[in-house]
Amino acid sequence: MRLIYRLFKKRKKIFSITQVNRSYTHNPVQSLIQEIKEIDSQIQLTSRAIFEAQIVRLRSLFSNQKNLFMGFQKRIIESSANTSAQWHQSQLIALNHERKKLQIELDKLTGRTWQRRFQNWWQSFVVISMLFISISFLIMGLFAALYLLPILVMLILGFLILNKMRT
């Protein structure tokens, strides 16, 4: 009977806010901060490598040397620069994802989770509001141009008629 009860019993899906990882030596907050700093330095190196790959690609694209093998060499350099940039971009995405996970864990340990969430919500609200305002100004400008179109046509026609009458 107890076996049947255990099989069909609902499992509680309650998790604690902070999960302590015992693999850290003494202070999990300090070790997380150190890991985030290391990932930030790796992100800087990866961004620099992407920039350098794009520079190599642009140099090969705008080189003016005319040679028998130049087209072949250009294609090889451009394809290798593209593959290098794509690989570095995938590494950069993975590093940013890892940094975000570590930052969330650090926020949970330091008690800044809701402060960060509120800050992210506020930033999203501001960006969406600015986008909405910009689109509404664009639409209002288009409608104003459409309403002024007959007046502008009348002015242009009047100007053309006056020029014809003078000549």
N, C-alpha and C. Protein backbone atom coordinates (compact mmCIF):
# COMPACT_ATOMS: atom_id res chain seq x y z
N MET A 1 0.82 -1.19 0.00
CA MET A 1 0.00 0.00 0.00
C MET A 1 0.87 1.26 0.00
N ARG A 2 1.93 1.24 0.79
CA ARG A 2 2.82 2.37 0.87
C ARG A 2 3.53 2.60 -0.47
N LEU A 3 3.85 1.52 -1.18
CA LEU A 3 4.50 1.62 -2.48
C LEU A 3 3.59 2.30 -3.49
N ILE A 4 2.32 1.95 -3.49
CA ILE A 4 1.36 2.57 -4.40
C ILE A 4 1.18 4.04 -4.05
N TYR A 5 1.16 4.34 -2.76
CA TYR A 5 1.02 5.73 -2.33
C TYR A 5 2.22 6.55 -2.81
N ARG A 6 3.43 6.01 -2.71
CA ARG A 6 4.62 6.73 -3.14
C ARG A 6 4.64 6.93 -4.65
N LEU A 7 4.12 5.99 -5.40
CA LEU A 7 4.13 6.13 -6.85
C LEU A 7 3.19 7.23 -7.33
N PHE A 8 2.02 7.35 -6.70
CA PHE A 8 1.03 8.30 -7.16
C PHE A 8 0.99 9.59 -6.34
N LYS A 9 1.89 9.74 -5.41
CA LYS A 9 1.94 10.93 -4.58
C LYS A 9 2.48 12.11 -5.40
N LYS A 10 1.87 13.26 -5.24
CA LYS A 10 2.34 14.45 -5.94
C LYS A 10 3.65 14.90 -5.32
N ARG A 11 4.59 15.17 -6.16
CA ARG A 11 5.86 15.70 -5.67
C ARG A 11 5.74 17.21 -5.54
N LYS A 12 6.26 17.71 -4.46
CA LYS A 12 6.23 19.14 -4.24
C LYS A 12 7.29 19.80 -5.10
N LYS A 13 6.89 20.82 -5.80
CA LYS A 13 7.82 21.54 -6.67
C LYS A 13 8.22 22.85 -6.00
N ILE A 14 8.76 22.72 -4.83
CA ILE A 14 9.19 23.89 -4.07
C ILE A 14 10.70 23.85 -4.00
N PHE A 15 11.32 24.93 -4.43
CA PHE A 15 12.76 25.03 -4.40
C PHE A 15 13.14 26.23 -3.56
N SER A 16 14.27 26.15 -2.93
CA SER A 16 14.74 27.28 -2.15
C SER A 16 15.25 28.35 -3.10
N ILE A 17 15.27 29.57 -2.61
CA ILE A 17 15.72 30.69 -3.44
C ILE A 17 17.21 30.57 -3.72
N THR A 18 17.97 30.21 -2.72
CA THR A 18 19.41 30.07 -2.92
C THR A 18 19.79 28.61 -2.82
N GLN A 19 20.54 28.18 -3.77
CA GLN A 19 21.06 26.82 -3.75
C GLN A 19 22.57 26.93 -3.53
N VAL A 20 23.05 26.35 -2.48
CA VAL A 20 24.44 26.48 -2.11
C VAL A 20 25.24 25.39 -2.82
N ASN A 21 26.28 25.81 -3.51
CA ASN A 21 27.18 24.88 -4.17
C ASN A 21 28.37 24.67 -3.24
N ARG A 22 28.53 23.49 -2.70
CA ARG A 22 29.57 23.22 -1.71
C ARG A 22 30.96 23.09 -2.31
N SER A 23 31.08 23.17 -3.61
CA SER A 23 32.39 23.02 -4.23
C SER A 23 33.25 24.27 -4.05
N TYR A 24 32.63 25.40 -3.70
CA TYR A 24 33.40 26.60 -3.48
C TYR A 24 34.19 26.48 -2.18
N THR A 25 35.33 27.11 -2.14
CA THR A 25 36.23 26.96 -1.01
C THR A 25 35.72 27.65 0.24
N HIS A 26 35.68 28.95 0.23
CA HIS A 26 35.31 29.64 1.47
C HIS A 26 34.14 30.60 1.29
N ASN A 27 34.15 31.38 0.25
CA ASN A 27 33.11 32.38 0.08
C ASN A 27 32.54 32.27 -1.33
N PRO A 28 31.31 31.80 -1.46
CA PRO A 28 30.76 31.64 -2.81
C PRO A 28 30.57 32.97 -3.55
N VAL A 29 30.33 34.05 -2.82
CA VAL A 29 30.13 35.34 -3.47
C VAL A 29 31.43 35.79 -4.13
N GLN A 30 32.54 35.69 -3.39
CA GLN A 30 33.83 36.10 -3.94
C GLN A 30 34.24 35.25 -5.13
N SER A 31 33.98 33.94 -5.04
CA SER A 31 34.36 33.07 -6.15
C SER A 31 33.50 33.36 -7.39
N LEU A 32 32.21 33.68 -7.18
CA LEU A 32 31.36 34.05 -8.32
C LEU A 32 31.82 35.36 -8.95
N ILE A 33 32.20 36.32 -8.11
CA ILE A 33 32.70 37.59 -8.64
C ILE A 33 33.97 37.35 -9.45
N GLN A 34 34.84 36.48 -8.96
CA GLN A 34 36.08 36.16 -9.67
C GLN A 34 35.77 35.49 -11.01
N GLU A 35 34.83 34.55 -11.02
CA GLU A 35 34.45 33.88 -12.28
C GLU A 35 33.86 34.87 -13.28
N ILE A 36 33.05 35.80 -12.78
CA ILE A 36 32.46 36.80 -13.67
C ILE A 36 33.55 37.69 -14.27
N LYS A 37 34.55 38.05 -13.46
CA LYS A 37 35.66 38.86 -13.98
C LYS A 37 36.44 38.10 -15.05
N GLU A 38 36.66 36.80 -14.82
CA GLU A 38 37.37 36.00 -15.82
C GLU A 38 36.58 35.91 -17.12
N ILE A 39 35.27 35.72 -17.00
CA ILE A 39 34.43 35.65 -18.20
C ILE A 39 34.41 37.00 -18.91
N ASP A 40 34.41 38.11 -18.15
CA ASP A 40 34.45 39.43 -18.78
C ASP A 40 35.73 39.62 -19.58
N SER A 41 36.85 39.15 -19.04
CA SER A 41 38.11 39.27 -19.79
C SER A 41 38.08 38.39 -21.04
N GLN A 42 37.47 37.20 -20.94
CA GLN A 42 37.34 36.35 -22.12
C GLN A 42 36.42 36.99 -23.16
N ILE A 43 35.37 37.66 -22.69
CA ILE A 43 34.46 38.36 -23.61
C ILE A 43 35.20 39.47 -24.34
N GLN A 44 36.06 40.21 -23.63
CA GLN A 44 36.84 41.27 -24.28
C GLN A 44 37.77 40.70 -25.33
N LEU A 45 38.45 39.60 -25.01
CA LEU A 45 39.36 38.98 -25.98
C LEU A 45 38.60 38.47 -27.20
N THR A 46 37.45 37.87 -26.97
CA THR A 46 36.66 37.35 -28.08
C THR A 46 36.13 38.48 -28.95
N SER A 47 35.70 39.57 -28.34
CA SER A 47 35.22 40.72 -29.12
C SER A 47 36.35 41.31 -29.95
N ARG A 48 37.53 41.39 -29.37
CA ARG A 48 38.69 41.89 -30.11
C ARG A 48 39.02 40.97 -31.29
N ALA A 49 38.91 39.65 -31.07
CA ALA A 49 39.19 38.70 -32.15
C ALA A 49 38.16 38.83 -33.28
N ILE A 50 36.90 39.05 -32.93
CA ILE A 50 35.87 39.27 -33.96
C ILE A 50 36.18 40.52 -34.76
N PHE A 51 36.57 41.58 -34.07
CA PHE A 51 36.92 42.83 -34.74
C PHE A 51 38.10 42.65 -35.69
N GLU A 52 39.12 41.92 -35.23
CA GLU A 52 40.29 41.67 -36.08
C GLU A 52 39.93 40.81 -37.29
N ALA A 53 39.05 39.83 -37.11
CA ALA A 53 38.63 39.00 -38.25
C ALA A 53 37.88 39.84 -39.27
N GLN A 54 37.06 40.77 -38.80
CA GLN A 54 36.34 41.64 -39.73
C GLN A 54 37.30 42.58 -40.46
N ILE A 55 38.34 43.04 -39.76
CA ILE A 55 39.34 43.90 -40.40
C ILE A 55 40.06 43.14 -41.50
N VAL A 56 40.45 41.89 -41.22
CA VAL A 56 41.12 41.06 -42.23
C VAL A 56 40.21 40.87 -43.43
N ARG A 57 38.95 40.63 -43.18
CA ARG A 57 37.99 40.43 -44.27
C ARG A 57 37.86 41.69 -45.11
N LEU A 58 37.78 42.86 -44.46
CA LEU A 58 37.66 44.11 -45.21
C LEU A 58 38.93 44.42 -45.99
N ARG A 59 40.09 44.14 -45.40
CA ARG A 59 41.34 44.37 -46.13
C ARG A 59 41.43 43.51 -47.37
N SER A 60 41.02 42.26 -47.24
CA SER A 60 41.07 41.39 -48.43
C SER A 60 40.02 41.82 -49.45
N LEU A 61 38.92 42.37 -48.98
CA LEU A 61 37.86 42.80 -49.88
C LEU A 61 38.27 44.03 -50.69
N PHE A 62 39.00 44.95 -50.06
CA PHE A 62 39.37 46.20 -50.72
C PHE A 62 40.81 46.23 -51.22
N SER A 63 41.46 45.10 -51.29
CA SER A 63 42.84 45.10 -51.81
C SER A 63 42.80 45.33 -53.31
N ASN A 64 43.77 46.10 -53.81
CA ASN A 64 43.78 46.49 -55.22
C ASN A 64 44.79 45.72 -56.06
N GLN A 65 45.41 44.72 -55.51
CA GLN A 65 46.42 43.98 -56.26
C GLN A 65 45.74 43.13 -57.33
N LYS A 66 46.23 43.25 -58.53
CA LYS A 66 45.74 42.44 -59.64
C LYS A 66 46.78 41.36 -59.90
N ASN A 67 46.36 40.14 -59.76
CA ASN A 67 47.29 39.03 -59.88
C ASN A 67 46.52 37.84 -60.44
N LEU A 68 47.24 36.86 -60.93
CA LEU A 68 46.62 35.67 -61.48
C LEU A 68 45.90 34.89 -60.39
N PHE A 69 46.52 34.81 -59.23
CA PHE A 69 45.96 34.03 -58.13
C PHE A 69 45.23 34.89 -57.11
N MET A 70 45.06 36.18 -57.40
CA MET A 70 44.47 37.08 -56.42
C MET A 70 43.02 36.73 -56.11
N GLY A 71 42.23 36.38 -57.11
CA GLY A 71 40.84 36.03 -56.87
C GLY A 71 40.72 34.80 -55.99
N PHE A 72 41.56 33.81 -56.27
CA PHE A 72 41.57 32.59 -55.47
C PHE A 72 42.01 32.89 -54.04
N GLN A 73 43.06 33.69 -53.91
CA GLN A 73 43.57 34.06 -52.58
C GLN A 73 42.53 34.88 -51.81
N LYS A 74 41.85 35.77 -52.53
CA LYS A 74 40.82 36.60 -51.89
C LYS A 74 39.70 35.75 -51.33
N ARG A 75 39.26 34.75 -52.12
CA ARG A 75 38.19 33.87 -51.66
C ARG A 75 38.62 33.06 -50.44
N ILE A 76 39.85 32.57 -50.44
CA ILE A 76 40.34 31.79 -49.30
C ILE A 76 40.41 32.65 -48.05
N ILE A 77 40.97 33.84 -48.18
CA ILE A 77 41.10 34.73 -47.01
C ILE A 77 39.73 35.14 -46.50
N GLU A 78 38.83 35.48 -47.42
CA GLU A 78 37.50 35.92 -46.99
C GLU A 78 36.72 34.79 -46.32
N SER A 79 36.81 33.58 -46.86
CA SER A 79 36.08 32.46 -46.24
C SER A 79 36.67 32.10 -44.88
N SER A 80 38.00 32.14 -44.76
CA SER A 80 38.59 31.83 -43.45
C SER A 80 38.28 32.92 -42.44
N ALA A 81 38.25 34.17 -42.87
CA ALA A 81 37.88 35.26 -41.96
C ALA A 81 36.43 35.14 -41.53
N ASN A 82 35.55 34.76 -42.45
CA ASN A 82 34.13 34.57 -42.11
C ASN A 82 33.94 33.43 -41.13
N THR A 83 34.61 32.30 -41.37
CA THR A 83 34.46 31.17 -40.44
C THR A 83 35.03 31.52 -39.07
N SER A 84 36.14 32.25 -39.05
CA SER A 84 36.72 32.67 -37.78
C SER A 84 35.77 33.60 -37.03
N ALA A 85 35.20 34.55 -37.75
CA ALA A 85 34.27 35.49 -37.11
C ALA A 85 33.02 34.76 -36.60
N GLN A 86 32.51 33.82 -37.37
CA GLN A 86 31.32 33.07 -36.93
C GLN A 86 31.63 32.24 -35.69
N TRP A 87 32.80 31.59 -35.66
CA TRP A 87 33.17 30.79 -34.50
C TRP A 87 33.31 31.68 -33.27
N HIS A 88 33.96 32.83 -33.44
CA HIS A 88 34.13 33.74 -32.30
C HIS A 88 32.78 34.30 -31.85
N GLN A 89 31.87 34.53 -32.78
CA GLN A 89 30.55 35.02 -32.39
C GLN A 89 29.79 33.97 -31.60
N SER A 90 29.90 32.71 -31.99
CA SER A 90 29.24 31.66 -31.21
C SER A 90 29.87 31.54 -29.82
N GLN A 91 31.20 31.69 -29.74
CA GLN A 91 31.87 31.69 -28.44
C GLN A 91 31.41 32.86 -27.59
N LEU A 92 31.25 34.02 -28.22
CA LEU A 92 30.80 35.21 -27.50
C LEU A 92 29.39 35.03 -26.96
N ILE A 93 28.52 34.42 -27.74
CA ILE A 93 27.16 34.15 -27.27
C ILE A 93 27.18 33.20 -26.08
N ALA A 94 28.01 32.15 -26.17
CA ALA A 94 28.10 31.20 -25.06
C ALA A 94 28.66 31.86 -23.81
N LEU A 95 29.68 32.71 -23.97
CA LEU A 95 30.26 33.41 -22.82
C LEU A 95 29.25 34.37 -22.19
N ASN A 96 28.50 35.08 -23.01
CA ASN A 96 27.48 35.99 -22.47
C ASN A 96 26.39 35.23 -21.73
N HIS A 97 26.02 34.06 -22.25
CA HIS A 97 25.01 33.23 -21.58
C HIS A 97 25.55 32.74 -20.23
N GLU A 98 26.79 32.31 -20.21
CA GLU A 98 27.40 31.84 -18.95
C GLU A 98 27.51 32.99 -17.95
N ARG A 99 27.88 34.18 -18.43
CA ARG A 99 28.00 35.32 -17.53
C ARG A 99 26.63 35.69 -16.94
N LYS A 100 25.60 35.61 -17.77
CA LYS A 100 24.25 35.92 -17.29
C LYS A 100 23.82 34.93 -16.21
N LYS A 101 24.11 33.64 -16.41
CA LYS A 101 23.76 32.64 -15.40
C LYS A 101 24.51 32.89 -14.10
N LEU A 102 25.81 33.20 -14.19
CA LEU A 102 26.58 33.48 -12.98
C LEU A 102 26.09 34.74 -12.29
N GLN A 103 25.71 35.75 -13.07
CA GLN A 103 25.21 36.99 -12.48
C GLN A 103 23.89 36.75 -11.75
N ILE A 104 23.02 35.91 -12.32
CA ILE A 104 21.76 35.58 -11.65
C ILE A 104 22.03 34.85 -10.35
N GLU A 105 22.97 33.92 -10.38
CA GLU A 105 23.31 33.18 -9.16
C GLU A 105 23.91 34.11 -8.11
N LEU A 106 24.76 35.05 -8.53
CA LEU A 106 25.34 36.02 -7.61
C LEU A 106 24.25 36.91 -7.02
N ASP A 107 23.30 37.32 -7.86
CA ASP A 107 22.20 38.15 -7.36
C ASP A 107 21.36 37.40 -6.34
N LYS A 108 21.15 36.11 -6.56
CA LYS A 108 20.40 35.32 -5.59
C LYS A 108 21.14 35.24 -4.26
N LEU A 109 22.46 35.08 -4.32
CA LEU A 109 23.23 34.98 -3.08
C LEU A 109 23.31 36.30 -2.34
N THR A 110 23.38 37.40 -3.08
CA THR A 110 23.51 38.70 -2.43
C THR A 110 22.16 39.36 -2.14
N GLY A 111 21.07 38.78 -2.65
CA GLY A 111 19.75 39.32 -2.35
C GLY A 111 19.34 40.47 -3.25
N ARG A 112 19.90 40.56 -4.43
CA ARG A 112 19.57 41.65 -5.36
C ARG A 112 18.73 41.16 -6.54
N THR A 113 18.09 40.02 -6.40
CA THR A 113 17.35 39.43 -7.52
C THR A 113 16.21 40.33 -7.97
N TRP A 114 15.38 40.77 -7.04
CA TRP A 114 14.21 41.57 -7.41
C TRP A 114 14.61 42.96 -7.86
N GLN A 115 15.67 43.48 -7.29
CA GLN A 115 16.16 44.78 -7.73
C GLN A 115 16.61 44.71 -9.20
N ARG A 116 17.32 43.65 -9.56
CA ARG A 116 17.74 43.46 -10.96
C ARG A 116 16.55 43.24 -11.88
N ARG A 117 15.60 42.43 -11.42
CA ARG A 117 14.42 42.18 -12.25
C ARG A 117 13.64 43.46 -12.50
N PHE A 118 13.47 44.25 -11.43
CA PHE A 118 12.76 45.52 -11.60
C PHE A 118 13.52 46.44 -12.55
N GLN A 119 14.84 46.46 -12.43
CA GLN A 119 15.67 47.27 -13.31
C GLN A 119 15.52 46.81 -14.77
N ASN A 120 15.53 45.51 -15.00
CA ASN A 120 15.36 44.98 -16.36
C ASN A 120 13.97 45.29 -16.90
N TRP A 121 12.95 45.16 -16.06
CA TRP A 121 11.59 45.49 -16.48
C TRP A 121 11.49 46.97 -16.84
N TRP A 122 12.09 47.82 -16.03
CA TRP A 122 12.04 49.25 -16.27
C TRP A 122 12.75 49.61 -17.58
N GLN A 123 13.91 49.01 -17.82
CA GLN A 123 14.63 49.26 -19.07
C GLN A 123 13.81 48.80 -20.27
N SER A 124 13.19 47.64 -20.15
CA SER A 124 12.35 47.15 -21.25
C SER A 124 11.17 48.09 -21.49
N PHE A 125 10.56 48.56 -20.42
CA PHE A 125 9.44 49.49 -20.54
C PHE A 125 9.87 50.78 -21.23
N VAL A 126 11.03 51.31 -20.85
CA VAL A 126 11.52 52.56 -21.45
C VAL A 126 11.82 52.36 -22.94
N VAL A 127 12.46 51.24 -23.28
CA VAL A 127 12.79 50.99 -24.69
C VAL A 127 11.53 50.81 -25.52
N ILE A 128 10.57 50.06 -25.01
CA ILE A 128 9.32 49.85 -25.74
C ILE A 128 8.55 51.16 -25.87
N SER A 129 8.54 51.97 -24.81
CA SER A 129 7.85 53.27 -24.87
C SER A 129 8.50 54.19 -25.90
N MET A 130 9.83 54.24 -25.92
CA MET A 130 10.52 55.09 -26.89
C MET A 130 10.26 54.60 -28.32
N LEU A 131 10.24 53.30 -28.50
CA LEU A 131 9.94 52.74 -29.81
C LEU A 131 8.52 53.09 -30.24
N PHE A 132 7.58 52.96 -29.33
CA PHE A 132 6.19 53.30 -29.62
C PHE A 132 6.04 54.79 -29.96
N ILE A 133 6.70 55.65 -29.19
CA ILE A 133 6.62 57.09 -29.45
C ILE A 133 7.24 57.42 -30.80
N SER A 134 8.38 56.80 -31.12
CA SER A 134 9.03 57.06 -32.41
C SER A 134 8.15 56.61 -33.57
N ILE A 135 7.55 55.46 -33.45
CA ILE A 135 6.67 54.97 -34.52
C ILE A 135 5.44 55.87 -34.66
N SER A 136 4.89 56.33 -33.53
CA SER A 136 3.72 57.20 -33.61
C SER A 136 4.07 58.54 -34.26
N PHE A 137 5.27 59.10 -33.95
CA PHE A 137 5.69 60.34 -34.62
C PHE A 137 5.89 60.12 -36.11
N LEU A 138 6.43 58.99 -36.48
CA LEU A 138 6.61 58.67 -37.89
C LEU A 138 5.27 58.58 -38.61
N ILE A 139 4.32 57.92 -38.00
CA ILE A 139 2.99 57.79 -38.60
C ILE A 139 2.30 59.15 -38.69
N MET A 140 2.44 59.97 -37.63
CA MET A 140 1.83 61.31 -37.68
C MET A 140 2.48 62.16 -38.77
N GLY A 141 3.78 62.04 -38.95
CA GLY A 141 4.46 62.77 -40.02
C GLY A 141 3.99 62.34 -41.39
N LEU A 142 3.79 61.03 -41.56
CA LEU A 142 3.28 60.55 -42.85
C LEU A 142 1.87 61.06 -43.12
N PHE A 143 1.02 61.05 -42.11
CA PHE A 143 -0.33 61.57 -42.29
C PHE A 143 -0.31 63.07 -42.57
N ALA A 144 0.57 63.81 -41.90
CA ALA A 144 0.68 65.24 -42.17
C ALA A 144 1.14 65.49 -43.60
N ALA A 145 2.08 64.67 -44.07
CA ALA A 145 2.53 64.82 -45.46
C ALA A 145 1.41 64.50 -46.43
N LEU A 146 0.61 63.49 -46.12
CA LEU A 146 -0.52 63.16 -47.00
C LEU A 146 -1.57 64.27 -47.01
N TYR A 147 -1.82 64.89 -45.85
CA TYR A 147 -2.81 65.97 -45.80
C TYR A 147 -2.29 67.23 -46.50
N LEU A 148 -0.99 67.45 -46.48
CA LEU A 148 -0.42 68.63 -47.13
C LEU A 148 -0.18 68.42 -48.62
N LEU A 149 -0.29 67.21 -49.08
CA LEU A 149 -0.03 66.90 -50.49
C LEU A 149 -0.93 67.69 -51.44
N PRO A 150 -2.24 67.78 -51.22
CA PRO A 150 -3.07 68.58 -52.15
C PRO A 150 -2.68 70.06 -52.16
N ILE A 151 -2.32 70.59 -51.00
CA ILE A 151 -1.92 72.00 -50.94
C ILE A 151 -0.63 72.21 -51.71
N LEU A 152 0.32 71.30 -51.56
CA LEU A 152 1.58 71.40 -52.29
C LEU A 152 1.35 71.26 -53.79
N VAL A 153 0.46 70.37 -54.19
CA VAL A 153 0.16 70.21 -55.62
C VAL A 153 -0.47 71.49 -56.17
N MET A 154 -1.36 72.10 -55.41
CA MET A 154 -1.99 73.36 -55.85
C MET A 154 -0.95 74.47 -55.97
N LEU A 155 -0.02 74.55 -55.02
CA LEU A 155 1.02 75.57 -55.10
C LEU A 155 1.92 75.36 -56.31
N ILE A 156 2.29 74.12 -56.57
CA ILE A 156 3.14 73.82 -57.73
C ILE A 156 2.41 74.13 -59.03
N LEU A 157 1.14 73.73 -59.11
CA LEU A 157 0.35 74.03 -60.31
C LEU A 157 0.19 75.54 -60.50
N GLY A 158 -0.06 76.27 -59.42
CA GLY A 158 -0.18 77.73 -59.50
C GLY A 158 1.13 78.35 -59.96
N PHE A 159 2.24 77.87 -59.47
CA PHE A 159 3.55 78.38 -59.88
C PHE A 159 3.79 78.10 -61.36
N LEU A 160 3.44 76.89 -61.82
CA LEU A 160 3.62 76.56 -63.23
C LEU A 160 2.71 77.40 -64.13
N ILE A 161 1.49 77.64 -63.70
CA ILE A 161 0.55 78.46 -64.48
C ILE A 161 1.05 79.90 -64.56
N LEU A 162 1.56 80.44 -63.44
CA LEU A 162 2.09 81.81 -63.46
C LEU A 162 3.31 81.91 -64.37
N ASN A 163 4.15 80.91 -64.37
CA ASN A 163 5.32 80.92 -65.26
C ASN A 163 4.89 80.85 -66.72
N LYS A 164 3.85 80.09 -67.03
CA LYS A 164 3.36 79.99 -68.41
C LYS A 164 2.75 81.32 -68.85
N MET A 165 2.06 82.01 -67.93
CA MET A 165 1.42 83.28 -68.28
C MET A 165 2.47 84.36 -68.53
N ARG A 166 3.58 84.32 -67.83
CA ARG A 166 4.63 85.33 -68.00
C ARG A 166 5.32 85.17 -69.35
N THR A 167 5.45 83.95 -69.79
CA THR A 167 6.16 83.73 -71.05
C THR A 167 5.27 83.68 -72.24
